[in-house]
Amino acid sequence: MAADTLQVGEYIDQVESAKIFRIRGELVGIAGDYSEARQYLEWLHNGSKKDSKPAFDKDADFEAIHATRQGVYHVTKNMYRVAIGKPAACGTGGTFAVAAMLAGATPTEAVEIAMRLDPYTGGKVVCKTL
């Protein structure tokens, strides 16, 4: 899994932030509102109990790619987890990254291509494997 590190804030501030996390041997790549993503990551870290699932409002801006040994899943702001195929990506540069991977790019190369095409994708490229 590869990701950029650019986080754009409410006031167009730009900082570098981790977007790939290893939780119980699985990888989770996040996109969108960082505080909402952190709630999802904490929920996963604490055991993913259904009764403690984070509830985001309808205007939430969060999604994730969750890679396990059993498969790859897309997680929506409604906390729906849907099995998806490979290649997979999320965030504003996700479409560019998927197209690049379908054309033969590695995940790292795909993020680099997305960085050239999407103004909200940038910073360093980080890659982690299961």
Protein backbone atom coordinates (compact mmCIF):
# COMPACT_ATOMS: atom_id res chain seq x y z
CA MET A 1 0.00 0.00 0.00
CA ALA A 2 1.28 3.46 -0.86
CA ALA A 3 0.10 6.93 0.13
CA ASP A 4 1.07 10.55 0.01
CA THR A 5 1.54 12.56 3.20
CA LEU A 6 -0.18 15.84 2.32
CA GLN A 7 -2.97 16.92 4.62
CA VAL A 8 -4.87 20.04 3.60
CA GLY A 9 -6.75 21.72 6.44
CA GLU A 10 -9.88 23.81 6.62
CA TYR A 11 -7.91 27.01 6.10
CA ILE A 12 -5.78 25.63 3.25
CA ASP A 13 -2.96 24.91 5.67
CA GLN A 14 -0.79 22.07 4.45
CA VAL A 15 1.05 19.69 6.75
CA GLU A 16 2.54 16.24 6.39
CA SER A 17 0.66 13.42 8.09
CA ALA A 18 0.81 9.64 8.11
CA LYS A 19 -1.94 8.05 6.02
CA ILE A 20 -1.05 4.35 6.29
CA PHE A 21 -1.40 2.54 9.61
CA ARG A 22 -0.69 -1.04 10.66
CA ILE A 23 -3.36 -2.30 13.05
CA ARG A 24 -3.33 -5.92 14.27
CA GLY A 25 -1.30 -7.03 11.23
CA GLU A 26 -3.59 -5.29 8.72
CA LEU A 27 -3.01 -2.09 6.74
CA VAL A 28 -5.37 0.85 6.66
CA GLY A 29 -4.93 3.78 4.29
CA ILE A 30 -7.00 6.85 5.11
CA ALA A 31 -8.25 9.86 3.16
CA GLY A 32 -10.40 12.86 3.94
CA ASP A 33 -10.95 14.51 7.30
CA TYR A 34 -8.08 13.49 9.53
CA SER A 35 -10.03 13.67 12.80
CA GLU A 36 -12.73 11.36 11.44
CA ALA A 37 -10.09 9.00 10.08
CA ARG A 38 -8.41 8.91 13.50
CA GLN A 39 -11.75 7.93 15.09
CA TYR A 40 -11.99 5.01 12.68
CA LEU A 41 -8.39 3.96 13.41
CA GLU A 42 -8.98 4.11 17.18
CA TRP A 43 -12.14 2.04 16.78
CA LEU A 44 -10.18 -0.61 14.84
CA HIS A 45 -7.37 -0.54 17.40
CA ASN A 46 -9.86 -1.05 20.24
CA GLY A 47 -11.42 -4.19 18.74
CA SER A 48 -14.02 -2.96 16.22
CA LYS A 49 -17.03 -3.57 18.45
CA LYS A 50 -20.31 -2.85 16.66
CA ASP A 51 -21.82 -1.02 19.64
CA SER A 52 -18.90 1.44 19.74
CA LYS A 53 -18.70 2.16 16.01
CA PRO A 54 -18.01 5.85 15.29
CA ALA A 55 -20.96 7.76 13.86
CA PHE A 56 -20.06 10.55 11.47
CA ASP A 57 -22.51 13.24 10.36
CA LYS A 58 -23.84 13.35 6.80
CA ASP A 59 -21.25 15.94 5.78
CA ALA A 60 -18.33 13.78 6.89
CA ASP A 61 -15.40 13.54 4.53
CA PHE A 62 -13.70 10.24 5.27
CA GLU A 63 -12.87 7.02 3.45
CA ALA A 64 -10.31 4.27 3.82
CA ILE A 65 -8.78 1.28 2.12
CA HIS A 66 -8.45 -1.62 4.55
CA ALA A 67 -6.13 -4.44 3.43
CA THR A 68 -6.28 -7.78 5.23
CA ARG A 69 -4.95 -11.25 4.39
CA GLN A 70 -8.54 -12.11 3.36
CA GLY A 71 -9.01 -9.21 0.95
CA VAL A 72 -9.13 -5.49 0.29
CA TYR A 73 -12.04 -3.35 1.45
CA HIS A 74 -13.27 0.17 0.86
CA VAL A 75 -14.66 1.87 3.98
CA THR A 76 -17.10 4.75 3.56
CA LYS A 77 -18.01 7.61 5.89
CA ASN A 78 -21.11 5.57 6.81
CA MET A 79 -18.75 2.88 8.12
CA TYR A 80 -19.75 0.45 5.37
CA ARG A 81 -16.96 -1.95 4.50
CA VAL A 82 -17.22 -3.30 0.98
CA ALA A 83 -14.90 -5.90 -0.55
CA ILE A 84 -13.21 -4.51 -3.65
CA GLY A 85 -10.69 -5.76 -6.17
CA LYS A 86 -7.19 -4.62 -6.90
CA PRO A 87 -5.98 -2.09 -7.73
CA ALA A 88 -7.72 0.11 -5.20
CA ALA A 89 -7.28 3.67 -4.01
CA CYS A 90 -9.16 6.38 -2.16
CA GLY A 91 -8.97 10.13 -1.75
CA THR A 92 -8.88 12.92 -4.28
CA GLY A 93 -5.98 11.35 -6.20
CA GLY A 94 -7.49 7.87 -6.09
CA THR A 95 -8.85 7.82 -9.63
CA PHE A 96 -5.48 8.87 -11.03
CA ALA A 97 -3.69 6.25 -8.93
CA VAL A 98 -5.99 3.42 -10.02
CA ALA A 99 -5.60 4.41 -13.68
CA ALA A 100 -1.82 4.46 -13.28
CA MET A 101 -1.81 0.99 -11.67
CA LEU A 102 -4.05 -0.39 -14.43
CA ALA A 103 -1.46 0.92 -16.89
CA GLY A 104 1.30 -0.99 -15.07
CA ALA A 105 2.56 1.42 -12.38
CA THR A 106 3.50 0.15 -8.94
CA PRO A 107 1.55 1.63 -6.01
CA THR A 108 4.44 4.00 -5.27
CA GLU A 109 4.62 5.12 -8.91
CA ALA A 110 0.83 5.50 -8.96
CA VAL A 111 0.92 7.92 -6.02
CA GLU A 112 3.73 9.87 -7.70
CA ILE A 113 1.57 10.17 -10.84
CA ALA A 114 -1.45 11.23 -8.78
CA MET A 115 0.72 13.90 -7.14
CA ARG A 116 1.42 15.39 -10.58
CA LEU A 117 -2.29 15.52 -11.47
CA ASP A 118 -4.15 16.28 -8.22
CA PRO A 119 -3.41 19.45 -6.23
CA TYR A 120 -4.50 17.79 -2.96
CA THR A 121 -2.06 14.89 -3.30
CA GLY A 122 1.53 15.63 -2.34
CA GLY A 123 4.32 15.48 0.19
CA LYS A 124 6.34 12.29 0.49
CA VAL A 125 5.31 8.87 -0.77
CA VAL A 126 5.17 6.16 1.89
CA CYS A 127 4.83 2.45 1.09
CA LYS A 128 4.05 -0.44 3.46
CA THR A 129 3.35 -4.11 2.81
CA LEU A 130 1.18 -6.64 4.66
